[in-house]
Structures are given as structure tokens and as C-alpha cells.
């Protein structure tokens, strides 16, 4: 008899990640309402943004490299690589999450942007940051795959998932702010969007797959 396909959202983590998803959605909504229709940085944004002279050339090159990971070519390569690893590890649900989780997260940012109406550099819609949301979502997929290992407790698993999301979100958020493509609060909104959408997508995948005979 074949064993059951491992859940992509580890059962011990469901309650905590469910709470985090709710908090992420509420935070993204609150920040979006706060800056809706604005075209200037907020007080916190102004403190965190680089000086008018911009970042040094070496830091700018690093920011461009990180930014490429959120561009269509870089993002497609990353998602394909993660999905392939999931299939090699015989984790088909995780492979589906790599595609659906990142796709739905980016789609959510595109849906929110015209509703928030926040702009930067003219008429460029900026809230929330799609690049930050994407890389955070992909990091969540990889972290959930690792957190599903047997013997990893709830506290360690939750810490691993949050740490991965924080590192990925901070790296891409910094790159977007350094390049002048987004305000820091846009990056926060993208990060929170990924925290809301990706665990929810994982739960839906497990629920749907669990109904199959």
C-alpha cells in the first residue's frame, strides 16, 4: 500500500502559520489604507530611504542582482528550479505550491496596486512590492519543505519559516528601496502579502489533495 503524500503545510505549524497569515493580511490592508493615493514617502519611509545621492556603485550592482530574481526571467528560473527539486524529493504538493503560491502572491499584489493607488517615480504603482512578495513567497515554499522533515518541532519549524521569510523579504525589500523602485512601506506590504497568501495556498493544496481518493 502506498504511503500518503506528505502535507506541504506541516500539521504542527498550521495554527501558528494560520495566525501569521491573518496578521499579515491585516497589516497589508492597514498599511495600504494608510498610504492609499499617496505619491510621497511617509515619515518612516523618509528615514529609511537612501540619500539623494543614492547608494554606492558596488551596492547598486548588488541591488540589481537581487532585483533580477524578481524579474520574469529570474523568477521563472527560480520557480522552475524549486519545483524540480520538490519533484526529485517526491514532494508533489510542494512543487504545486512553488507554482501556485508564488503565482497567487504576485497576482494579489497586482490586484491590490490599483486599489491602493500609491505611486512612485511619476505614475508607477508601488504598493505593495511584487518583487518582495515573490521572493518571500518562494522562501516560504522552501522553508515549508524543510520544516516538514520528521523530528522538527513546532517551535523550530515556525522559527525556520519566519526566518526564511524575513531574510528573503529584507534582501529584496532593500534592493527595491536602494534602486528607488519602491518605498520601504511598499516592501513591508509585499512581505505581508506573501505571509498571508502562501500559507493559505498551502492549506488549500493539502485540503484539496486530501479529498482525492
C-alpha atoms as a PDB file:
ATOM      1  CA  UNK A   1       0.000   0.000   0.000  1.00  0.00           C
ATOM      2  CA  UNK A   2       1.412   3.372  -0.971  1.00  0.00           C
ATOM      3  CA  UNK A   3       2.126   5.915   1.738  1.00  0.00           C
ATOM      4  CA  UNK A   4       0.219   9.147   1.846  1.00  0.00           C
ATOM      5  CA  UNK A   5       1.736  12.165   0.107  1.00  0.00           C
ATOM      6  CA  UNK A   6       3.320  14.428   2.759  1.00  0.00           C
ATOM      7  CA  UNK A   7       1.414  17.581   3.549  1.00  0.00           C
ATOM      8  CA  UNK A   8       3.012  20.771   2.267  1.00  0.00           C
ATOM      9  CA  UNK A   9       1.862  22.615   5.398  1.00  0.00           C
ATOM     10  CA  UNK A  10       3.178  20.596   8.363  1.00  0.00           C
ATOM     11  CA  UNK A  11       0.294  19.889  10.792  1.00  0.00           C
ATOM     12  CA  UNK A  12       2.181  21.173  13.877  1.00  0.00           C
ATOM     13  CA  UNK A  13       2.660  24.547  12.152  1.00  0.00           C
ATOM     14  CA  UNK A  14      -0.877  25.068  10.848  1.00  0.00           C
ATOM     15  CA  UNK A  15      -2.263  27.003  13.795  1.00  0.00           C
ATOM     16  CA  UNK A  16       0.725  29.350  14.079  1.00  0.00           C
ATOM     17  CA  UNK A  17       1.039  29.957  10.354  1.00  0.00           C
ATOM     18  CA  UNK A  18      -2.698  30.472  10.126  1.00  0.00           C
ATOM     19  CA  UNK A  19      -2.425  33.210  12.741  1.00  0.00           C
ATOM     20  CA  UNK A  20       0.551  34.723  10.935  1.00  0.00           C
ATOM     21  CA  UNK A  21      -1.406  34.700   7.673  1.00  0.00           C
ATOM     22  CA  UNK A  22      -4.250  36.615   9.306  1.00  0.00           C
ATOM     23  CA  UNK A  23      -1.853  39.135  10.845  1.00  0.00           C
ATOM     24  CA  UNK A  24      -0.090  39.528   7.507  1.00  0.00           C
ATOM     25  CA  UNK A  25      -3.356  40.228   5.713  1.00  0.00           C
ATOM     26  CA  UNK A  26      -4.451  42.757   8.326  1.00  0.00           C
ATOM     27  CA  UNK A  27      -1.097  44.545   8.260  1.00  0.00           C
ATOM     28  CA  UNK A  28      -1.024  44.693   4.465  1.00  0.00           C
ATOM     29  CA  UNK A  29      -4.548  46.108   4.480  1.00  0.00           C
ATOM     30  CA  UNK A  30      -3.780  48.682   7.184  1.00  0.00           C
ATOM     31  CA  UNK A  31      -0.596  49.939   5.501  1.00  0.00           C
ATOM     32  CA  UNK A  32      -2.397  50.051   2.158  1.00  0.00           C
ATOM     33  CA  UNK A  33      -5.188  52.179   3.617  1.00  0.00           C
ATOM     34  CA  UNK A  34      -2.671  54.441   5.339  1.00  0.00           C
ATOM     35  CA  UNK A  35      -0.819  55.255   2.133  1.00  0.00           C
ATOM     36  CA  UNK A  36      -3.668  54.903  -0.372  1.00  0.00           C
ATOM     37  CA  UNK A  37      -3.453  57.532  -3.096  1.00  0.00           C
ATOM     38  CA  UNK A  38      -0.140  58.934  -1.830  1.00  0.00           C
ATOM     39  CA  UNK A  39       2.801  59.736  -4.066  1.00  0.00           C
ATOM     40  CA  UNK A  40       5.284  60.772  -1.399  1.00  0.00           C
ATOM     41  CA  UNK A  41       7.184  58.772   1.236  1.00  0.00           C
ATOM     42  CA  UNK A  42       5.817  58.615   4.751  1.00  0.00           C
ATOM     43  CA  UNK A  43       7.790  59.709   7.798  1.00  0.00           C
ATOM     44  CA  UNK A  44       9.276  56.246   8.355  1.00  0.00           C
ATOM     45  CA  UNK A  45       9.960  55.831   4.633  1.00  0.00           C
ATOM     46  CA  UNK A  46      11.907  59.092   4.557  1.00  0.00           C
ATOM     47  CA  UNK A  47      14.182  57.896   7.360  1.00  0.00           C
ATOM     48  CA  UNK A  48      14.889  54.532   5.733  1.00  0.00           C
ATOM     49  CA  UNK A  49      15.356  55.653   2.158  1.00  0.00           C
ATOM     50  CA  UNK A  50      18.887  56.265   0.848  1.00  0.00           C
ATOM     51  CA  UNK A  51      20.233  59.772   0.458  1.00  0.00           C
ATOM     52  CA  UNK A  52      19.508  61.765  -2.725  1.00  0.00           C
ATOM     53  CA  UNK A  53      22.964  60.772  -3.988  1.00  0.00           C
ATOM     54  CA  UNK A  54      21.836  57.138  -3.982  1.00  0.00           C
ATOM     55  CA  UNK A  55      23.764  54.049  -2.950  1.00  0.00           C
ATOM     56  CA  UNK A  56      27.423  53.443  -3.894  1.00  0.00           C
ATOM     57  CA  UNK A  57      28.006  51.721  -7.270  1.00  0.00           C
ATOM     58  CA  UNK A  58      29.031  48.422  -5.665  1.00  0.00           C
ATOM     59  CA  UNK A  59      25.844  48.334  -3.587  1.00  0.00           C
ATOM     60  CA  UNK A  60      23.792  49.261  -6.622  1.00  0.00           C
ATOM     61  CA  UNK A  61      25.209  46.310  -8.542  1.00  0.00           C
ATOM     62  CA  UNK A  62      24.268  44.039  -5.647  1.00  0.00           C
ATOM     63  CA  UNK A  63      20.769  45.517  -5.592  1.00  0.00           C
ATOM     64  CA  UNK A  64      20.396  44.922  -9.332  1.00  0.00           C
ATOM     65  CA  UNK A  65      21.462  41.302  -8.901  1.00  0.00           C
ATOM     66  CA  UNK A  66      18.847  40.747  -6.197  1.00  0.00           C
ATOM     67  CA  UNK A  67      16.249  42.639  -8.230  1.00  0.00           C
ATOM     68  CA  UNK A  68      16.811  40.265 -11.175  1.00  0.00           C
ATOM     69  CA  UNK A  69      15.494  37.406  -9.036  1.00  0.00           C
ATOM     70  CA  UNK A  70      12.095  39.100  -9.110  1.00  0.00           C
ATOM     71  CA  UNK A  71      12.131  39.873 -12.825  1.00  0.00           C
ATOM     72  CA  UNK A  72      10.235  37.472 -15.155  1.00  0.00           C
ATOM     73  CA  UNK A  73      13.326  35.590 -16.350  1.00  0.00           C
ATOM     74  CA  UNK A  74      14.919  35.286 -12.936  1.00  0.00           C
ATOM     75  CA  UNK A  75      11.649  34.439 -11.200  1.00  0.00           C
ATOM     76  CA  UNK A  76      10.758  31.760 -13.744  1.00  0.00           C
ATOM     77  CA  UNK A  77      14.174  30.138 -13.354  1.00  0.00           C
ATOM     78  CA  UNK A  78      13.907  30.144  -9.564  1.00  0.00           C
ATOM     79  CA  UNK A  79      10.393  28.691  -9.520  1.00  0.00           C
ATOM     80  CA  UNK A  80      11.333  26.008 -12.048  1.00  0.00           C
ATOM     81  CA  UNK A  81      14.392  25.029 -10.023  1.00  0.00           C
ATOM     82  CA  UNK A  82      12.463  24.815  -6.747  1.00  0.00           C
ATOM     83  CA  UNK A  83       9.631  22.840  -8.353  1.00  0.00           C
ATOM     84  CA  UNK A  84      12.125  20.425  -9.908  1.00  0.00           C
ATOM     85  CA  UNK A  85      13.812  19.827  -6.547  1.00  0.00           C
ATOM     86  CA  UNK A  86      10.426  19.203  -4.945  1.00  0.00           C
ATOM     87  CA  UNK A  87       9.607  16.583  -7.577  1.00  0.00           C
ATOM     88  CA  UNK A  88      13.009  14.929  -7.161  1.00  0.00           C
ATOM     89  CA  UNK A  89      12.293  14.716  -3.431  1.00  0.00           C
ATOM     90  CA  UNK A  90       8.872  13.208  -4.238  1.00  0.00           C
ATOM     91  CA  UNK A  91       7.021  16.173  -2.762  1.00  0.00           C
ATOM     92  CA  UNK A  92       4.454  16.919  -5.480  1.00  0.00           C
ATOM     93  CA  UNK A  93       2.361  19.161  -3.235  1.00  0.00           C
ATOM     94  CA  UNK A  94       5.392  21.339  -2.581  1.00  0.00           C
ATOM     95  CA  UNK A  95       6.016  21.548  -6.346  1.00  0.00           C
ATOM     96  CA  UNK A  96       2.431  22.723  -6.822  1.00  0.00           C
ATOM     97  CA  UNK A  97       2.911  25.269  -4.049  1.00  0.00           C
ATOM     98  CA  UNK A  98       6.056  26.607  -5.726  1.00  0.00           C
ATOM     99  CA  UNK A  99       3.943  27.408  -8.767  1.00  0.00           C
ATOM    100  CA  UNK A 100       0.618  28.332  -7.180  1.00  0.00           C
ATOM    101  CA  UNK A 101       1.950  30.034  -4.056  1.00  0.00           C
ATOM    102  CA  UNK A 102       4.247  32.410  -5.891  1.00  0.00           C
ATOM    103  CA  UNK A 103       1.773  32.938  -8.719  1.00  0.00           C
ATOM    104  CA  UNK A 104      -1.146  33.799  -6.454  1.00  0.00           C
ATOM    105  CA  UNK A 105       1.024  36.031  -4.278  1.00  0.00           C
ATOM    106  CA  UNK A 106       2.191  38.079  -7.252  1.00  0.00           C
ATOM    107  CA  UNK A 107      -1.369  38.159  -8.608  1.00  0.00           C
ATOM    108  CA  UNK A 108      -2.553  39.520  -5.261  1.00  0.00           C
ATOM    109  CA  UNK A 109      -0.054  42.383  -5.435  1.00  0.00           C
ATOM    110  CA  UNK A 110      -1.195  43.241  -8.954  1.00  0.00           C
ATOM    111  CA  UNK A 111      -4.801  43.272  -7.763  1.00  0.00           C
ATOM    112  CA  UNK A 112      -4.034  45.477  -4.751  1.00  0.00           C
ATOM    113  CA  UNK A 113      -1.896  48.055  -6.577  1.00  0.00           C
ATOM    114  CA  UNK A 114      -4.699  49.854  -8.461  1.00  0.00           C
ATOM    115  CA  UNK A 115      -6.894  49.660  -5.373  1.00  0.00           C
ATOM    116  CA  UNK A 116      -4.242  51.296  -3.186  1.00  0.00           C
ATOM    117  CA  UNK A 117      -3.310  53.775  -5.882  1.00  0.00           C
ATOM    118  CA  UNK A 118       0.044  54.653  -4.338  1.00  0.00           C
ATOM    119  CA  UNK A 119       2.620  55.849  -6.837  1.00  0.00           C
ATOM    120  CA  UNK A 120       6.346  56.453  -7.070  1.00  0.00           C
ATOM    121  CA  UNK A 121       8.500  57.975  -9.817  1.00  0.00           C
ATOM    122  CA  UNK A 122       5.520  59.517 -11.519  1.00  0.00           C
ATOM    123  CA  UNK A 123       2.613  57.184 -12.201  1.00  0.00           C
ATOM    124  CA  UNK A 124       4.289  53.883 -11.274  1.00  0.00           C
ATOM    125  CA  UNK A 125       2.003  51.963  -8.901  1.00  0.00           C
ATOM    126  CA  UNK A 126       4.140  50.916  -5.977  1.00  0.00           C
ATOM    127  CA  UNK A 127       2.074  49.356  -3.182  1.00  0.00           C
ATOM    128  CA  UNK A 128       2.679  46.532  -2.435  1.00  0.00           C
ATOM    129  CA  UNK A 129       6.052  45.473  -3.846  1.00  0.00           C
ATOM    130  CA  UNK A 130       5.569  42.487  -6.144  1.00  0.00           C
ATOM    131  CA  UNK A 131       9.279  41.660  -6.171  1.00  0.00           C
ATOM    132  CA  UNK A 132       9.393  41.493  -2.363  1.00  0.00           C
ATOM    133  CA  UNK A 133       6.217  39.427  -2.256  1.00  0.00           C
ATOM    134  CA  UNK A 134       7.558  36.956  -4.820  1.00  0.00           C
ATOM    135  CA  UNK A 135      10.900  36.238  -3.177  1.00  0.00           C
ATOM    136  CA  UNK A 136       9.264  35.975   0.248  1.00  0.00           C
ATOM    137  CA  UNK A 137       6.693  33.523  -1.104  1.00  0.00           C
ATOM    138  CA  UNK A 138       9.379  31.357  -2.697  1.00  0.00           C
ATOM    139  CA  UNK A 139      11.409  31.382   0.521  1.00  0.00           C
ATOM    140  CA  UNK A 140       8.291  30.236   2.383  1.00  0.00           C
ATOM    141  CA  UNK A 141       7.904  27.316  -0.021  1.00  0.00           C
ATOM    142  CA  UNK A 142      11.499  26.188   0.554  1.00  0.00           C
ATOM    143  CA  UNK A 143      11.204  26.680   4.314  1.00  0.00           C
ATOM    144  CA  UNK A 144       7.959  24.697   4.500  1.00  0.00           C
ATOM    145  CA  UNK A 145       9.652  21.895   2.582  1.00  0.00           C
ATOM    146  CA  UNK A 146      12.454  21.838   5.158  1.00  0.00           C
ATOM    147  CA  UNK A 147      10.072  22.260   8.102  1.00  0.00           C
ATOM    148  CA  UNK A 148       8.214  19.106   7.032  1.00  0.00           C
ATOM    149  CA  UNK A 149      11.146  16.912   7.992  1.00  0.00           C
ATOM    150  CA  UNK A 150      10.302  14.405  10.747  1.00  0.00           C
ATOM    151  CA  UNK A 151      11.543  15.329  14.194  1.00  0.00           C
ATOM    152  CA  UNK A 152      11.472  19.068  13.672  1.00  0.00           C
ATOM    153  CA  UNK A 153       9.250  20.512  16.387  1.00  0.00           C
ATOM    154  CA  UNK A 154       6.635  23.221  16.125  1.00  0.00           C
ATOM    155  CA  UNK A 155       8.819  25.958  17.592  1.00  0.00           C
ATOM    156  CA  UNK A 156      11.829  25.133  15.419  1.00  0.00           C
ATOM    157  CA  UNK A 157       9.690  24.730  12.315  1.00  0.00           C
ATOM    158  CA  UNK A 158       7.872  28.018  12.815  1.00  0.00           C
ATOM    159  CA  UNK A 159      11.145  29.829  13.529  1.00  0.00           C
ATOM    160  CA  UNK A 160      12.684  28.374  10.369  1.00  0.00           C
ATOM    161  CA  UNK A 161       9.763  29.505   8.208  1.00  0.00           C
ATOM    162  CA  UNK A 162       9.697  33.014   9.663  1.00  0.00           C
ATOM    163  CA  UNK A 163      13.472  33.411   9.445  1.00  0.00           C
ATOM    164  CA  UNK A 164      13.492  32.399   5.779  1.00  0.00           C
ATOM    165  CA  UNK A 165      10.665  34.814   5.009  1.00  0.00           C
ATOM    166  CA  UNK A 166      12.392  37.620   6.901  1.00  0.00           C
ATOM    167  CA  UNK A 167      15.756  37.156   5.180  1.00  0.00           C
ATOM    168  CA  UNK A 168      14.249  36.935   1.692  1.00  0.00           C
ATOM    169  CA  UNK A 169      11.879  39.834   2.261  1.00  0.00           C
ATOM    170  CA  UNK A 170      14.580  42.037   3.760  1.00  0.00           C
ATOM    171  CA  UNK A 171      17.008  41.315   0.904  1.00  0.00           C
ATOM    172  CA  UNK A 172      14.524  42.080  -1.862  1.00  0.00           C
ATOM    173  CA  UNK A 173      12.970  44.970   0.035  1.00  0.00           C
ATOM    174  CA  UNK A 174      16.401  46.555   0.463  1.00  0.00           C
ATOM    175  CA  UNK A 175      17.128  46.120  -3.242  1.00  0.00           C
ATOM    176  CA  UNK A 176      13.855  47.768  -4.257  1.00  0.00           C
ATOM    177  CA  UNK A 177      14.391  50.730  -1.942  1.00  0.00           C
ATOM    178  CA  UNK A 178      18.052  51.095  -2.953  1.00  0.00           C
ATOM    179  CA  UNK A 179      17.058  51.199  -6.633  1.00  0.00           C
ATOM    180  CA  UNK A 180      14.325  53.748  -5.954  1.00  0.00           C
ATOM    181  CA  UNK A 181      11.615  51.404  -7.265  1.00  0.00           C
ATOM    182  CA  UNK A 182       9.643  51.251  -4.007  1.00  0.00           C
ATOM    183  CA  UNK A 183       9.231  52.886  -0.631  1.00  0.00           C
ATOM    184  CA  UNK A 184      10.120  50.806   2.458  1.00  0.00           C
ATOM    185  CA  UNK A 185       6.421  50.549   3.341  1.00  0.00           C
ATOM    186  CA  UNK A 186       5.789  49.057  -0.124  1.00  0.00           C
ATOM    187  CA  UNK A 187       8.284  46.325   0.709  1.00  0.00           C
ATOM    188  CA  UNK A 188       6.532  45.725   4.032  1.00  0.00           C
ATOM    189  CA  UNK A 189       3.232  45.405   2.210  1.00  0.00           C
ATOM    190  CA  UNK A 190       4.692  42.879  -0.221  1.00  0.00           C
ATOM    191  CA  UNK A 191       6.197  40.870   2.615  1.00  0.00           C
ATOM    192  CA  UNK A 192       2.904  40.771   4.490  1.00  0.00           C
ATOM    193  CA  UNK A 193       1.028  39.813   1.326  1.00  0.00           C
ATOM    194  CA  UNK A 194       3.265  36.773   0.895  1.00  0.00           C
ATOM    195  CA  UNK A 195       2.786  35.829   4.559  1.00  0.00           C
ATOM    196  CA  UNK A 196      -0.973  35.965   4.021  1.00  0.00           C
ATOM    197  CA  UNK A 197      -1.270  34.227   0.651  1.00  0.00           C
ATOM    198  CA  UNK A 198       1.380  31.489   0.663  1.00  0.00           C
ATOM    199  CA  UNK A 199       0.389  29.588   3.853  1.00  0.00           C
ATOM    200  CA  UNK A 200      -3.262  29.885   2.827  1.00  0.00           C
ATOM    201  CA  UNK A 201      -2.439  28.409  -0.579  1.00  0.00           C
ATOM    202  CA  UNK A 202      -0.520  25.586   1.102  1.00  0.00           C
ATOM    203  CA  UNK A 203      -3.524  24.808   3.319  1.00  0.00           C
ATOM    204  CA  UNK A 204      -5.833  24.757   0.291  1.00  0.00           C
ATOM    205  CA  UNK A 205      -3.489  22.412  -1.590  1.00  0.00           C
ATOM    206  CA  UNK A 206      -3.415  19.980   1.339  1.00  0.00           C
ATOM    207  CA  UNK A 207      -7.173  20.178   1.752  1.00  0.00           C
ATOM    208  CA  UNK A 208      -7.833  19.600  -1.938  1.00  0.00           C
ATOM    209  CA  UNK A 209      -5.319  16.758  -2.217  1.00  0.00           C
ATOM    210  CA  UNK A 210      -6.710  15.147   0.948  1.00  0.00           C
ATOM    211  CA  UNK A 211     -10.137  14.819  -0.648  1.00  0.00           C
ATOM    212  CA  UNK A 212      -8.812  12.780  -3.554  1.00  0.00           C
ATOM    213  CA  UNK A 213      -9.409   9.001  -3.288  1.00  0.00           C
END
